[in-house]
């Protein structure tokens, strides 16, 4: 997200957050396990 570099290869933190916020319902649990460090028992509650 270094906007002083080539803008074609950067993404703002806002756009990045929005990308993950728009995750499909069925992918939430899987992505939480892979891309966060939330304990798996808490993830099970979130994906339910």
ModelCIF file with pLDDT and N, C-alpha, C, O atoms, coordinates in Angstrom:
data_MODEL
#
_entry.id   MODEL 
#
_entity.id                         1 
_entity.type                       polymer 
_entity.pdbx_number_of_molecules   1 
#
_entity_poly.entity_id                      1 
_entity_poly.type                           'polypeptide(L)' 
_entity_poly.nstd_linkage                   no 
_entity_poly.nstd_monomer                   no 
_entity_poly.pdbx_seq_one_letter_code       
;(UNK)(UNK)(UNK)(UNK)(UNK)(UNK)(UNK)(UNK)(UNK)(UNK)(UNK)(UNK)(UNK)(UNK)(UNK)(UNK)
(UNK)(UNK)(UNK)(UNK)(UNK)(UNK)(UNK)(UNK)(UNK)(UNK)(UNK)(UNK)(UNK)(UNK)(UNK)(UNK)
(UNK)(UNK)(UNK)(UNK)(UNK)(UNK)(UNK)(UNK)(UNK)(UNK)(UNK)(UNK)(UNK)(UNK)(UNK)(UNK)
;
_entity_poly.pdbx_seq_one_letter_code_can   XXXXXXXXXXXXXXXXXXXXXXXXXXXXXXXXXXXXXXXXXXXXXXXX 
_entity_poly.pdbx_strand_id                 A 
#
loop_
_entity_poly_seq.entity_id 
_entity_poly_seq.num 
_entity_poly_seq.mon_id 
_entity_poly_seq.hetero 
1 1  UNK n 
1 2  UNK n 
1 3  UNK n 
1 4  UNK n 
1 5  UNK n 
1 6  UNK n 
1 7  UNK n 
1 8  UNK n 
1 9  UNK n 
1 10 UNK n 
1 11 UNK n 
1 12 UNK n 
1 13 UNK n 
1 14 UNK n 
1 15 UNK n 
1 16 UNK n 
1 17 UNK n 
1 18 UNK n 
1 19 UNK n 
1 20 UNK n 
1 21 UNK n 
1 22 UNK n 
1 23 UNK n 
1 24 UNK n 
1 25 UNK n 
1 26 UNK n 
1 27 UNK n 
1 28 UNK n 
1 29 UNK n 
1 30 UNK n 
1 31 UNK n 
1 32 UNK n 
1 33 UNK n 
1 34 UNK n 
1 35 UNK n 
1 36 UNK n 
1 37 UNK n 
1 38 UNK n 
1 39 UNK n 
1 40 UNK n 
1 41 UNK n 
1 42 UNK n 
1 43 UNK n 
1 44 UNK n 
1 45 UNK n 
1 46 UNK n 
1 47 UNK n 
1 48 UNK n 
#
_struct_asym.id          A 
_struct_asym.entity_id   1 
#
loop_
_ma_qa_metric.id 
_ma_qa_metric.mode 
_ma_qa_metric.name 
_ma_qa_metric.software_group_id 
_ma_qa_metric.type 
1 global pLDDT . pLDDT 
2 local  pLDDT . pLDDT 
#
_ma_qa_metric_global.metric_id      1 
_ma_qa_metric_global.metric_value   87.21 
_ma_qa_metric_global.model_id       1 
_ma_qa_metric_global.ordinal_id     1 
#
loop_
_ma_qa_metric_local.label_asym_id 
_ma_qa_metric_local.label_comp_id 
_ma_qa_metric_local.label_seq_id 
_ma_qa_metric_local.metric_id 
_ma_qa_metric_local.metric_value 
_ma_qa_metric_local.model_id 
_ma_qa_metric_local.ordinal_id 
A UNK 1  2 78.00 1 1  
A UNK 2  2 63.00 1 2  
A UNK 3  2 48.00 1 3  
A UNK 4  2 46.00 1 4  
A UNK 5  2 56.00 1 5  
A UNK 6  2 65.00 1 6  
A UNK 7  2 66.00 1 7  
A UNK 8  2 72.00 1 8  
A UNK 9  2 79.00 1 9  
A UNK 10 2 80.00 1 10 
A UNK 11 2 84.00 1 11 
A UNK 12 2 86.00 1 12 
A UNK 13 2 89.00 1 13 
A UNK 14 2 88.00 1 14 
A UNK 15 2 87.00 1 15 
A UNK 16 2 91.00 1 16 
A UNK 17 2 92.00 1 17 
A UNK 18 2 88.00 1 18 
A UNK 19 2 90.00 1 19 
A UNK 20 2 94.00 1 20 
A UNK 21 2 91.00 1 21 
A UNK 22 2 87.00 1 22 
A UNK 23 2 91.00 1 23 
A UNK 24 2 90.00 1 24 
A UNK 25 2 92.00 1 25 
A UNK 26 2 92.00 1 26 
A UNK 27 2 94.00 1 27 
A UNK 28 2 95.00 1 28 
A UNK 29 2 96.00 1 29 
A UNK 30 2 96.00 1 30 
A UNK 31 2 97.00 1 31 
A UNK 32 2 97.00 1 32 
A UNK 33 2 97.00 1 33 
A UNK 34 2 97.00 1 34 
A UNK 35 2 97.00 1 35 
A UNK 36 2 96.00 1 36 
A UNK 37 2 96.00 1 37 
A UNK 38 2 96.00 1 38 
A UNK 39 2 96.00 1 39 
A UNK 40 2 95.00 1 40 
A UNK 41 2 95.00 1 41 
A UNK 42 2 96.00 1 42 
A UNK 43 2 97.00 1 43 
A UNK 44 2 95.00 1 44 
A UNK 45 2 95.00 1 45 
A UNK 46 2 95.00 1 46 
A UNK 47 2 91.00 1 47 
A UNK 48 2 92.00 1 48 
#
loop_
_atom_site.group_PDB 
_atom_site.id 
_atom_site.type_symbol 
_atom_site.label_atom_id 
_atom_site.label_alt_id 
_atom_site.label_comp_id 
_atom_site.label_asym_id 
_atom_site.label_entity_id 
_atom_site.label_seq_id 
_atom_site.pdbx_PDB_ins_code 
_atom_site.Cartn_x 
_atom_site.Cartn_y 
_atom_site.Cartn_z 
_atom_site.occupancy 
_atom_site.B_iso_or_equiv 
_atom_site.pdbx_formal_charge 
_atom_site.auth_seq_id 
_atom_site.auth_comp_id 
_atom_site.auth_asym_id 
_atom_site.auth_atom_id 
_atom_site.pdbx_PDB_model_num 
ATOM 1   N N  . UNK A 1 1  ? 0.822   -1.210  0.000   1.00 78.00 ? 1  UNK A N  1 
ATOM 2   C CA . UNK A 1 1  ? 0.000   0.000   0.000   1.00 78.00 ? 1  UNK A CA 1 
ATOM 3   C C  . UNK A 1 1  ? 0.853   1.255   0.000   1.00 78.00 ? 1  UNK A C  1 
ATOM 4   O O  . UNK A 1 1  ? 0.401   2.309   0.448   1.00 78.00 ? 1  UNK A O  1 
ATOM 5   N N  . UNK A 1 2  ? 2.080   1.160   -0.496  1.00 63.00 ? 2  UNK A N  1 
ATOM 6   C CA . UNK A 1 2  ? 2.954   2.319   -0.605  1.00 63.00 ? 2  UNK A CA 1 
ATOM 7   C C  . UNK A 1 2  ? 2.548   3.124   -1.835  1.00 63.00 ? 2  UNK A C  1 
ATOM 8   O O  . UNK A 1 2  ? 2.966   2.819   -2.951  1.00 63.00 ? 2  UNK A O  1 
ATOM 9   N N  . UNK A 1 3  ? 1.736   4.146   -1.625  1.00 48.00 ? 3  UNK A N  1 
ATOM 10  C CA . UNK A 1 3  ? 1.173   4.886   -2.739  1.00 48.00 ? 3  UNK A CA 1 
ATOM 11  C C  . UNK A 1 3  ? 2.190   5.784   -3.439  1.00 48.00 ? 3  UNK A C  1 
ATOM 12  O O  . UNK A 1 3  ? 1.859   6.444   -4.424  1.00 48.00 ? 3  UNK A O  1 
ATOM 13  N N  . UNK A 1 4  ? 3.425   5.814   -2.938  1.00 46.00 ? 4  UNK A N  1 
ATOM 14  C CA . UNK A 1 4  ? 4.477   6.538   -3.647  1.00 46.00 ? 4  UNK A CA 1 
ATOM 15  C C  . UNK A 1 4  ? 5.071   5.691   -4.769  1.00 46.00 ? 4  UNK A C  1 
ATOM 16  O O  . UNK A 1 4  ? 5.814   6.192   -5.614  1.00 46.00 ? 4  UNK A O  1 
ATOM 17  N N  . UNK A 1 5  ? 4.736   4.405   -4.767  1.00 56.00 ? 5  UNK A N  1 
ATOM 18  C CA . UNK A 1 5  ? 5.224   3.509   -5.800  1.00 56.00 ? 5  UNK A CA 1 
ATOM 19  C C  . UNK A 1 5  ? 4.280   3.455   -6.978  1.00 56.00 ? 5  UNK A C  1 
ATOM 20  O O  . UNK A 1 5  ? 3.490   4.370   -7.205  1.00 56.00 ? 5  UNK A O  1 
ATOM 21  N N  . UNK A 1 6  ? 4.372   2.374   -7.722  1.00 65.00 ? 6  UNK A N  1 
ATOM 22  C CA . UNK A 1 6  ? 3.524   2.192   -8.896  1.00 65.00 ? 6  UNK A CA 1 
ATOM 23  C C  . UNK A 1 6  ? 2.093   1.918   -8.451  1.00 65.00 ? 6  UNK A C  1 
ATOM 24  O O  . UNK A 1 6  ? 1.842   0.890   -7.821  1.00 65.00 ? 6  UNK A O  1 
ATOM 25  N N  . UNK A 1 7  ? 1.141   2.811   -8.758  1.00 66.00 ? 7  UNK A N  1 
ATOM 26  C CA . UNK A 1 7  ? -0.233  2.600   -8.282  1.00 66.00 ? 7  UNK A CA 1 
ATOM 27  C C  . UNK A 1 7  ? -0.884  1.354   -8.857  1.00 66.00 ? 7  UNK A C  1 
ATOM 28  O O  . UNK A 1 7  ? -1.871  0.870   -8.304  1.00 66.00 ? 7  UNK A O  1 
ATOM 29  N N  . UNK A 1 8  ? -0.352  0.821   -9.958  1.00 72.00 ? 8  UNK A N  1 
ATOM 30  C CA . UNK A 1 8  ? -0.908  -0.397  -10.533 1.00 72.00 ? 8  UNK A CA 1 
ATOM 31  C C  . UNK A 1 8  ? -0.651  -1.618  -9.669  1.00 72.00 ? 8  UNK A C  1 
ATOM 32  O O  . UNK A 1 8  ? -1.273  -2.661  -9.868  1.00 72.00 ? 8  UNK A O  1 
ATOM 33  N N  . UNK A 1 9  ? 0.265   -1.501  -8.706  1.00 79.00 ? 9  UNK A N  1 
ATOM 34  C CA . UNK A 1 9  ? 0.624   -2.634  -7.861  1.00 79.00 ? 9  UNK A CA 1 
ATOM 35  C C  . UNK A 1 9  ? 0.471   -2.301  -6.383  1.00 79.00 ? 9  UNK A C  1 
ATOM 36  O O  . UNK A 1 9  ? 1.177   -2.855  -5.541  1.00 79.00 ? 9  UNK A O  1 
ATOM 37  N N  . UNK A 1 10 ? -0.434  -1.413  -6.076  1.00 80.00 ? 10 UNK A N  1 
ATOM 38  C CA . UNK A 1 10 ? -0.732  -1.039  -4.705  1.00 80.00 ? 10 UNK A CA 1 
ATOM 39  C C  . UNK A 1 10 ? -2.239  -1.064  -4.484  1.00 80.00 ? 10 UNK A C  1 
ATOM 40  O O  . UNK A 1 10 ? -3.022  -0.950  -5.427  1.00 80.00 ? 10 UNK A O  1 
ATOM 41  N N  . UNK A 1 11 ? -2.623  -1.214  -3.238  1.00 84.00 ? 11 UNK A N  1 
ATOM 42  C CA . UNK A 1 11 ? -4.028  -1.165  -2.871  1.00 84.00 ? 11 UNK A CA 1 
ATOM 43  C C  . UNK A 1 11 ? -4.152  -0.486  -1.521  1.00 84.00 ? 11 UNK A C  1 
ATOM 44  O O  . UNK A 1 11 ? -3.413  -0.814  -0.593  1.00 84.00 ? 11 UNK A O  1 
ATOM 45  N N  . UNK A 1 12 ? -5.078  0.456   -1.398  1.00 86.00 ? 12 UNK A N  1 
ATOM 46  C CA . UNK A 1 12 ? -5.279  1.156   -0.140  1.00 86.00 ? 12 UNK A CA 1 
ATOM 47  C C  . UNK A 1 12 ? -5.814  0.207   0.919   1.00 86.00 ? 12 UNK A C  1 
ATOM 48  O O  . UNK A 1 12 ? -6.427  -0.811  0.597   1.00 86.00 ? 12 UNK A O  1 
ATOM 49  N N  . UNK A 1 13 ? -5.585  0.540   2.173   1.00 89.00 ? 13 UNK A N  1 
ATOM 50  C CA . UNK A 1 13 ? -6.086  -0.285  3.267   1.00 89.00 ? 13 UNK A CA 1 
ATOM 51  C C  . UNK A 1 13 ? -7.612  -0.343  3.245   1.00 89.00 ? 13 UNK A C  1 
ATOM 52  O O  . UNK A 1 13 ? -8.203  -1.360  3.608   1.00 89.00 ? 13 UNK A O  1 
ATOM 53  N N  . UNK A 1 14 ? -8.246  0.745   2.821   1.00 88.00 ? 14 UNK A N  1 
ATOM 54  C CA . UNK A 1 14 ? -9.706  0.759   2.720   1.00 88.00 ? 14 UNK A CA 1 
ATOM 55  C C  . UNK A 1 14 ? -10.190 -0.254  1.687   1.00 88.00 ? 14 UNK A C  1 
ATOM 56  O O  . UNK A 1 14 ? -11.083 -1.049  1.983   1.00 88.00 ? 14 UNK A O  1 
ATOM 57  N N  . UNK A 1 15 ? -9.617  -0.242  0.475   1.00 87.00 ? 15 UNK A N  1 
ATOM 58  C CA . UNK A 1 15 ? -10.029 -1.181  -0.566  1.00 87.00 ? 15 UNK A CA 1 
ATOM 59  C C  . UNK A 1 15 ? -9.724  -2.622  -0.163  1.00 87.00 ? 15 UNK A C  1 
ATOM 60  O O  . UNK A 1 15 ? -10.479 -3.544  -0.473  1.00 87.00 ? 15 UNK A O  1 
ATOM 61  N N  . UNK A 1 16 ? -8.603  -2.795  0.536   1.00 91.00 ? 16 UNK A N  1 
ATOM 62  C CA . UNK A 1 16 ? -8.231  -4.129  1.010   1.00 91.00 ? 16 UNK A CA 1 
ATOM 63  C C  . UNK A 1 16 ? -9.261  -4.637  2.017   1.00 91.00 ? 16 UNK A C  1 
ATOM 64  O O  . UNK A 1 16 ? -9.701  -5.784  1.932   1.00 91.00 ? 16 UNK A O  1 
ATOM 65  N N  . UNK A 1 17 ? -9.641  -3.791  2.961   1.00 92.00 ? 17 UNK A N  1 
ATOM 66  C CA . UNK A 1 17 ? -10.653 -4.169  3.939   1.00 92.00 ? 17 UNK A CA 1 
ATOM 67  C C  . UNK A 1 17 ? -11.959 -4.513  3.239   1.00 92.00 ? 17 UNK A C  1 
ATOM 68  O O  . UNK A 1 17 ? -12.603 -5.506  3.577   1.00 92.00 ? 17 UNK A O  1 
ATOM 69  N N  . UNK A 1 18 ? -12.353 -3.698  2.266   1.00 88.00 ? 18 UNK A N  1 
ATOM 70  C CA . UNK A 1 18 ? -13.590 -3.930  1.547   1.00 88.00 ? 18 UNK A CA 1 
ATOM 71  C C  . UNK A 1 18 ? -13.584 -5.266  0.804   1.00 88.00 ? 18 UNK A C  1 
ATOM 72  O O  . UNK A 1 18 ? -14.606 -5.950  0.749   1.00 88.00 ? 18 UNK A O  1 
ATOM 73  N N  . UNK A 1 19 ? -12.437 -5.638  0.232   1.00 90.00 ? 19 UNK A N  1 
ATOM 74  C CA . UNK A 1 19 ? -12.357 -6.910  -0.478  1.00 90.00 ? 19 UNK A CA 1 
ATOM 75  C C  . UNK A 1 19 ? -12.732 -8.065  0.444   1.00 90.00 ? 19 UNK A C  1 
ATOM 76  O O  . UNK A 1 19 ? -13.515 -8.935  0.061   1.00 90.00 ? 19 UNK A O  1 
ATOM 77  N N  . UNK A 1 20 ? -12.181 -8.080  1.646   1.00 94.00 ? 20 UNK A N  1 
ATOM 78  C CA . UNK A 1 20 ? -12.457 -9.170  2.574   1.00 94.00 ? 20 UNK A CA 1 
ATOM 79  C C  . UNK A 1 20 ? -13.851 -9.044  3.191   1.00 94.00 ? 20 UNK A C  1 
ATOM 80  O O  . UNK A 1 20 ? -14.485 -10.057 3.488   1.00 94.00 ? 20 UNK A O  1 
ATOM 81  N N  . UNK A 1 21 ? -14.331 -7.829  3.384   1.00 91.00 ? 21 UNK A N  1 
ATOM 82  C CA . UNK A 1 21 ? -15.692 -7.640  3.883   1.00 91.00 ? 21 UNK A CA 1 
ATOM 83  C C  . UNK A 1 21 ? -16.717 -8.241  2.912   1.00 91.00 ? 21 UNK A C  1 
ATOM 84  O O  . UNK A 1 21 ? -17.785 -8.679  3.337   1.00 91.00 ? 21 UNK A O  1 
ATOM 85  N N  . UNK A 1 22 ? -16.408 -8.264  1.649   1.00 87.00 ? 22 UNK A N  1 
ATOM 86  C CA . UNK A 1 22 ? -17.323 -8.774  0.634   1.00 87.00 ? 22 UNK A CA 1 
ATOM 87  C C  . UNK A 1 22 ? -17.170 -10.273 0.387   1.00 87.00 ? 22 UNK A C  1 
ATOM 88  O O  . UNK A 1 22 ? -17.669 -10.793 -0.611  1.00 87.00 ? 22 UNK A O  1 
ATOM 89  N N  . UNK A 1 23 ? -16.484 -10.965 1.292   1.00 91.00 ? 23 UNK A N  1 
ATOM 90  C CA . UNK A 1 23 ? -16.340 -12.416 1.197   1.00 91.00 ? 23 UNK A CA 1 
ATOM 91  C C  . UNK A 1 23 ? -17.714 -13.092 1.108   1.00 91.00 ? 23 UNK A C  1 
ATOM 92  O O  . UNK A 1 23 ? -18.665 -12.691 1.779   1.00 91.00 ? 23 UNK A O  1 
ATOM 93  N N  . UNK A 1 24 ? -17.792 -14.129 0.261   1.00 90.00 ? 24 UNK A N  1 
ATOM 94  C CA . UNK A 1 24 ? -19.036 -14.883 0.175   1.00 90.00 ? 24 UNK A CA 1 
ATOM 95  C C  . UNK A 1 24 ? -19.327 -15.607 1.497   1.00 90.00 ? 24 UNK A C  1 
ATOM 96  O O  . UNK A 1 24 ? -18.405 -16.040 2.189   1.00 90.00 ? 24 UNK A O  1 
ATOM 97  N N  . UNK A 1 25 ? -20.596 -15.731 1.835   1.00 92.00 ? 25 UNK A N  1 
ATOM 98  C CA . UNK A 1 25 ? -21.001 -16.335 3.113   1.00 92.00 ? 25 UNK A CA 1 
ATOM 99  C C  . UNK A 1 25 ? -20.327 -17.683 3.346   1.00 92.00 ? 25 UNK A C  1 
ATOM 100 O O  . UNK A 1 25 ? -19.848 -17.964 4.444   1.00 92.00 ? 25 UNK A O  1 
ATOM 101 N N  . UNK A 1 26 ? -20.294 -18.507 2.313   1.00 92.00 ? 26 UNK A N  1 
ATOM 102 C CA . UNK A 1 26 ? -19.778 -19.867 2.453   1.00 92.00 ? 26 UNK A CA 1 
ATOM 103 C C  . UNK A 1 26 ? -18.274 -19.925 2.697   1.00 92.00 ? 26 UNK A C  1 
ATOM 104 O O  . UNK A 1 26 ? -17.753 -20.966 3.098   1.00 92.00 ? 26 UNK A O  1 
ATOM 105 N N  . UNK A 1 27 ? -17.575 -18.824 2.460   1.00 94.00 ? 27 UNK A N  1 
ATOM 106 C CA . UNK A 1 27 ? -16.115 -18.805 2.588   1.00 94.00 ? 27 UNK A CA 1 
ATOM 107 C C  . UNK A 1 27 ? -15.628 -18.227 3.914   1.00 94.00 ? 27 UNK A C  1 
ATOM 108 O O  . UNK A 1 27 ? -14.432 -18.282 4.199   1.00 94.00 ? 27 UNK A O  1 
ATOM 109 N N  . UNK A 1 28 ? -16.521 -17.677 4.725   1.00 95.00 ? 28 UNK A N  1 
ATOM 110 C CA . UNK A 1 28 ? -16.106 -16.943 5.914   1.00 95.00 ? 28 UNK A CA 1 
ATOM 111 C C  . UNK A 1 28 ? -15.270 -17.813 6.857   1.00 95.00 ? 28 UNK A C  1 
ATOM 112 O O  . UNK A 1 28 ? -14.177 -17.414 7.257   1.00 95.00 ? 28 UNK A O  1 
ATOM 113 N N  . UNK A 1 29 ? -15.772 -18.991 7.213   1.00 96.00 ? 29 UNK A N  1 
ATOM 114 C CA . UNK A 1 29 ? -15.060 -19.855 8.142   1.00 96.00 ? 29 UNK A CA 1 
ATOM 115 C C  . UNK A 1 29 ? -13.704 -20.289 7.621   1.00 96.00 ? 29 UNK A C  1 
ATOM 116 O O  . UNK A 1 29 ? -12.706 -20.253 8.341   1.00 96.00 ? 29 UNK A O  1 
ATOM 117 N N  . UNK A 1 30 ? -13.679 -20.701 6.355   1.00 96.00 ? 30 UNK A N  1 
ATOM 118 C CA . UNK A 1 30 ? -12.433 -21.158 5.741   1.00 96.00 ? 30 UNK A CA 1 
ATOM 119 C C  . UNK A 1 30 ? -11.387 -20.046 5.718   1.00 96.00 ? 30 UNK A C  1 
ATOM 120 O O  . UNK A 1 30 ? -10.223 -20.286 6.036   1.00 96.00 ? 30 UNK A O  1 
ATOM 121 N N  . UNK A 1 31 ? -11.786 -18.849 5.349   1.00 97.00 ? 31 UNK A N  1 
ATOM 122 C CA . UNK A 1 31 ? -10.850 -17.737 5.274   1.00 97.00 ? 31 UNK A CA 1 
ATOM 123 C C  . UNK A 1 31 ? -10.393 -17.294 6.666   1.00 97.00 ? 31 UNK A C  1 
ATOM 124 O O  . UNK A 1 31 ? -9.242  -16.892 6.835   1.00 97.00 ? 31 UNK A O  1 
ATOM 125 N N  . UNK A 1 32 ? -11.268 -17.362 7.652   1.00 97.00 ? 32 UNK A N  1 
ATOM 126 C CA . UNK A 1 32 ? -10.871 -17.033 9.021   1.00 97.00 ? 32 UNK A CA 1 
ATOM 127 C C  . UNK A 1 32 ? -9.789  -17.992 9.514   1.00 97.00 ? 32 UNK A C  1 
ATOM 128 O O  . UNK A 1 32 ? -8.851  -17.567 10.189  1.00 97.00 ? 32 UNK A O  1 
ATOM 129 N N  . UNK A 1 33 ? -9.908  -19.271 9.187   1.00 97.00 ? 33 UNK A N  1 
ATOM 130 C CA . UNK A 1 33 ? -8.909  -20.249 9.623   1.00 97.00 ? 33 UNK A CA 1 
ATOM 131 C C  . UNK A 1 33 ? -7.563  -20.005 8.944   1.00 97.00 ? 33 UNK A C  1 
ATOM 132 O O  . UNK A 1 33 ? -6.513  -20.123 9.575   1.00 97.00 ? 33 UNK A O  1 
ATOM 133 N N  . UNK A 1 34 ? -7.597  -19.668 7.671   1.00 97.00 ? 34 UNK A N  1 
ATOM 134 C CA . UNK A 1 34 ? -6.358  -19.508 6.919   1.00 97.00 ? 34 UNK A CA 1 
ATOM 135 C C  . UNK A 1 34 ? -5.690  -18.158 7.141   1.00 97.00 ? 34 UNK A C  1 
ATOM 136 O O  . UNK A 1 34 ? -4.467  -18.079 7.263   1.00 97.00 ? 34 UNK A O  1 
ATOM 137 N N  . UNK A 1 35 ? -6.483  -17.104 7.195   1.00 97.00 ? 35 UNK A N  1 
ATOM 138 C CA . UNK A 1 35 ? -5.916  -15.764 7.087   1.00 97.00 ? 35 UNK A CA 1 
ATOM 139 C C  . UNK A 1 35 ? -5.989  -14.935 8.364   1.00 97.00 ? 35 UNK A C  1 
ATOM 140 O O  . UNK A 1 35 ? -5.522  -13.796 8.381   1.00 97.00 ? 35 UNK A O  1 
ATOM 141 N N  . UNK A 1 36 ? -6.568  -15.482 9.434   1.00 96.00 ? 36 UNK A N  1 
ATOM 142 C CA . UNK A 1 36 ? -6.558  -14.805 10.721  1.00 96.00 ? 36 UNK A CA 1 
ATOM 143 C C  . UNK A 1 36 ? -5.912  -15.719 11.741  1.00 96.00 ? 36 UNK A C  1 
ATOM 144 O O  . UNK A 1 36 ? -5.581  -16.865 11.436  1.00 96.00 ? 36 UNK A O  1 
ATOM 145 N N  . UNK A 1 37 ? -5.735  -15.219 12.941  1.00 96.00 ? 37 UNK A N  1 
ATOM 146 C CA . UNK A 1 37 ? -5.190  -16.034 14.027  1.00 96.00 ? 37 UNK A CA 1 
ATOM 147 C C  . UNK A 1 37 ? -6.188  -16.180 15.157  1.00 96.00 ? 37 UNK A C  1 
ATOM 148 O O  . UNK A 1 37 ? -5.813  -16.424 16.304  1.00 96.00 ? 37 UNK A O  1 
ATOM 149 N N  . UNK A 1 38 ? -7.451  -16.032 14.829  1.00 96.00 ? 38 UNK A N  1 
ATOM 150 C CA . UNK A 1 38 ? -8.528  -16.253 15.781  1.00 96.00 ? 38 UNK A CA 1 
ATOM 151 C C  . UNK A 1 38 ? -8.588  -17.746 16.113  1.00 96.00 ? 38 UNK A C  1 
ATOM 152 O O  . UNK A 1 38 ? -8.506  -18.570 15.202  1.00 96.00 ? 38 UNK A O  1 
ATOM 153 N N  . UNK A 1 39 ? -8.729  -18.120 17.393  1.00 96.00 ? 39 UNK A N  1 
ATOM 154 C CA . UNK A 1 39 ? -8.833  -19.544 17.747  1.00 96.00 ? 39 UNK A CA 1 
ATOM 155 C C  . UNK A 1 39 ? -9.965  -20.235 16.994  1.00 96.00 ? 39 UNK A C  1 
ATOM 156 O O  . UNK A 1 39 ? -11.002 -19.631 16.720  1.00 96.00 ? 39 UNK A O  1 
ATOM 157 N N  . UNK A 1 40 ? -9.754  -21.500 16.664  1.00 95.00 ? 40 UNK A N  1 
ATOM 158 C CA . UNK A 1 40 ? -10.707 -22.211 15.819  1.00 95.00 ? 40 UNK A CA 1 
ATOM 159 C C  . UNK A 1 40 ? -12.076 -22.390 16.481  1.00 95.00 ? 40 UNK A C  1 
ATOM 160 O O  . UNK A 1 40 ? -13.092 -22.447 15.788  1.00 95.00 ? 40 UNK A O  1 
ATOM 161 N N  . UNK A 1 41 ? -12.113 -22.481 17.831  1.00 95.00 ? 41 UNK A N  1 
ATOM 162 C CA . UNK A 1 41 ? -13.418 -22.612 18.478  1.00 95.00 ? 41 UNK A CA 1 
ATOM 163 C C  . UNK A 1 41 ? -14.236 -21.334 18.329  1.00 95.00 ? 41 UNK A C  1 
ATOM 164 O O  . UNK A 1 41 ? -15.459 -21.390 18.194  1.00 95.00 ? 41 UNK A O  1 
ATOM 165 N N  . UNK A 1 42 ? -13.563 -20.176 18.352  1.00 96.00 ? 42 UNK A N  1 
ATOM 166 C CA . UNK A 1 42 ? -14.258 -18.911 18.125  1.00 96.00 ? 42 UNK A CA 1 
ATOM 167 C C  . UNK A 1 42 ? -14.693 -18.785 16.665  1.00 96.00 ? 42 UNK A C  1 
ATOM 168 O O  . UNK A 1 42 ? -15.761 -18.247 16.373  1.00 96.00 ? 42 UNK A O  1 
ATOM 169 N N  . UNK A 1 43 ? -13.858 -19.285 15.750  1.00 97.00 ? 43 UNK A N  1 
ATOM 170 C CA . UNK A 1 43 ? -14.217 -19.262 14.332  1.00 97.00 ? 43 UNK A CA 1 
ATOM 171 C C  . UNK A 1 43 ? -15.482 -20.085 14.090  1.00 97.00 ? 43 UNK A C  1 
ATOM 172 O O  . UNK A 1 43 ? -16.346 -19.690 13.307  1.00 97.00 ? 43 UNK A O  1 
ATOM 173 N N  . UNK A 1 44 ? -15.585 -21.222 14.761  1.00 95.00 ? 44 UNK A N  1 
ATOM 174 C CA . UNK A 1 44 ? -16.771 -22.073 14.596  1.00 95.00 ? 44 UNK A CA 1 
ATOM 175 C C  . UNK A 1 44 ? -18.044 -21.316 14.958  1.00 95.00 ? 44 UNK A C  1 
ATOM 176 O O  . UNK A 1 44 ? -19.076 -21.499 14.313  1.00 95.00 ? 44 UNK A O  1 
ATOM 177 N N  . UNK A 1 45 ? -17.980 -20.471 15.977  1.00 95.00 ? 45 UNK A N  1 
ATOM 178 C CA . UNK A 1 45 ? -19.145 -19.666 16.368  1.00 95.00 ? 45 UNK A CA 1 
ATOM 179 C C  . UNK A 1 45 ? -19.458 -18.612 15.309  1.00 95.00 ? 45 UNK A C  1 
ATOM 180 O O  . UNK A 1 45 ? -20.620 -18.373 14.981  1.00 95.00 ? 45 UNK A O  1 
ATOM 181 N N  . UNK A 1 46 ? -18.403 -17.983 14.778  1.00 95.00 ? 46 UNK A N  1 
ATOM 182 C CA . UNK A 1 46 ? -18.600 -16.928 13.787  1.00 95.00 ? 46 UNK A CA 1 
ATOM 183 C C  . UNK A 1 46 ? -19.204 -17.475 12.497  1.00 95.00 ? 46 UNK A C  1 
ATOM 184 O O  . UNK A 1 46 ? -20.106 -16.865 11.924  1.00 95.00 ? 46 UNK A O  1 
ATOM 185 N N  . UNK A 1 47 ? -18.710 -18.619 12.043  1.00 91.00 ? 47 UNK A N  1 
ATOM 186 C CA . UNK A 1 47 ? -19.200 -19.138 10.768  1.00 91.00 ? 47 UNK A CA 1 
ATOM 187 C C  . UNK A 1 47 ? -20.598 -19.739 10.884  1.00 91.00 ? 47 UNK A C  1 
ATOM 188 O O  . UNK A 1 47 ? -21.244 -20.000 9.869   1.00 91.00 ? 47 UNK A O  1 
ATOM 189 N N  . UNK A 1 48 ? -21.068 -19.961 12.110  1.00 92.00 ? 48 UNK A N  1 
ATOM 190 C CA . UNK A 1 48 ? -22.414 -20.492 12.301  1.00 92.00 ? 48 UNK A CA 1 
ATOM 191 C C  . UNK A 1 48 ? -23.481 -19.405 12.287  1.00 92.00 ? 48 UNK A C  1 
ATOM 192 O O  . UNK A 1 48 ? -24.667 -19.701 12.437  1.00 92.00 ? 48 UNK A O  1 
#
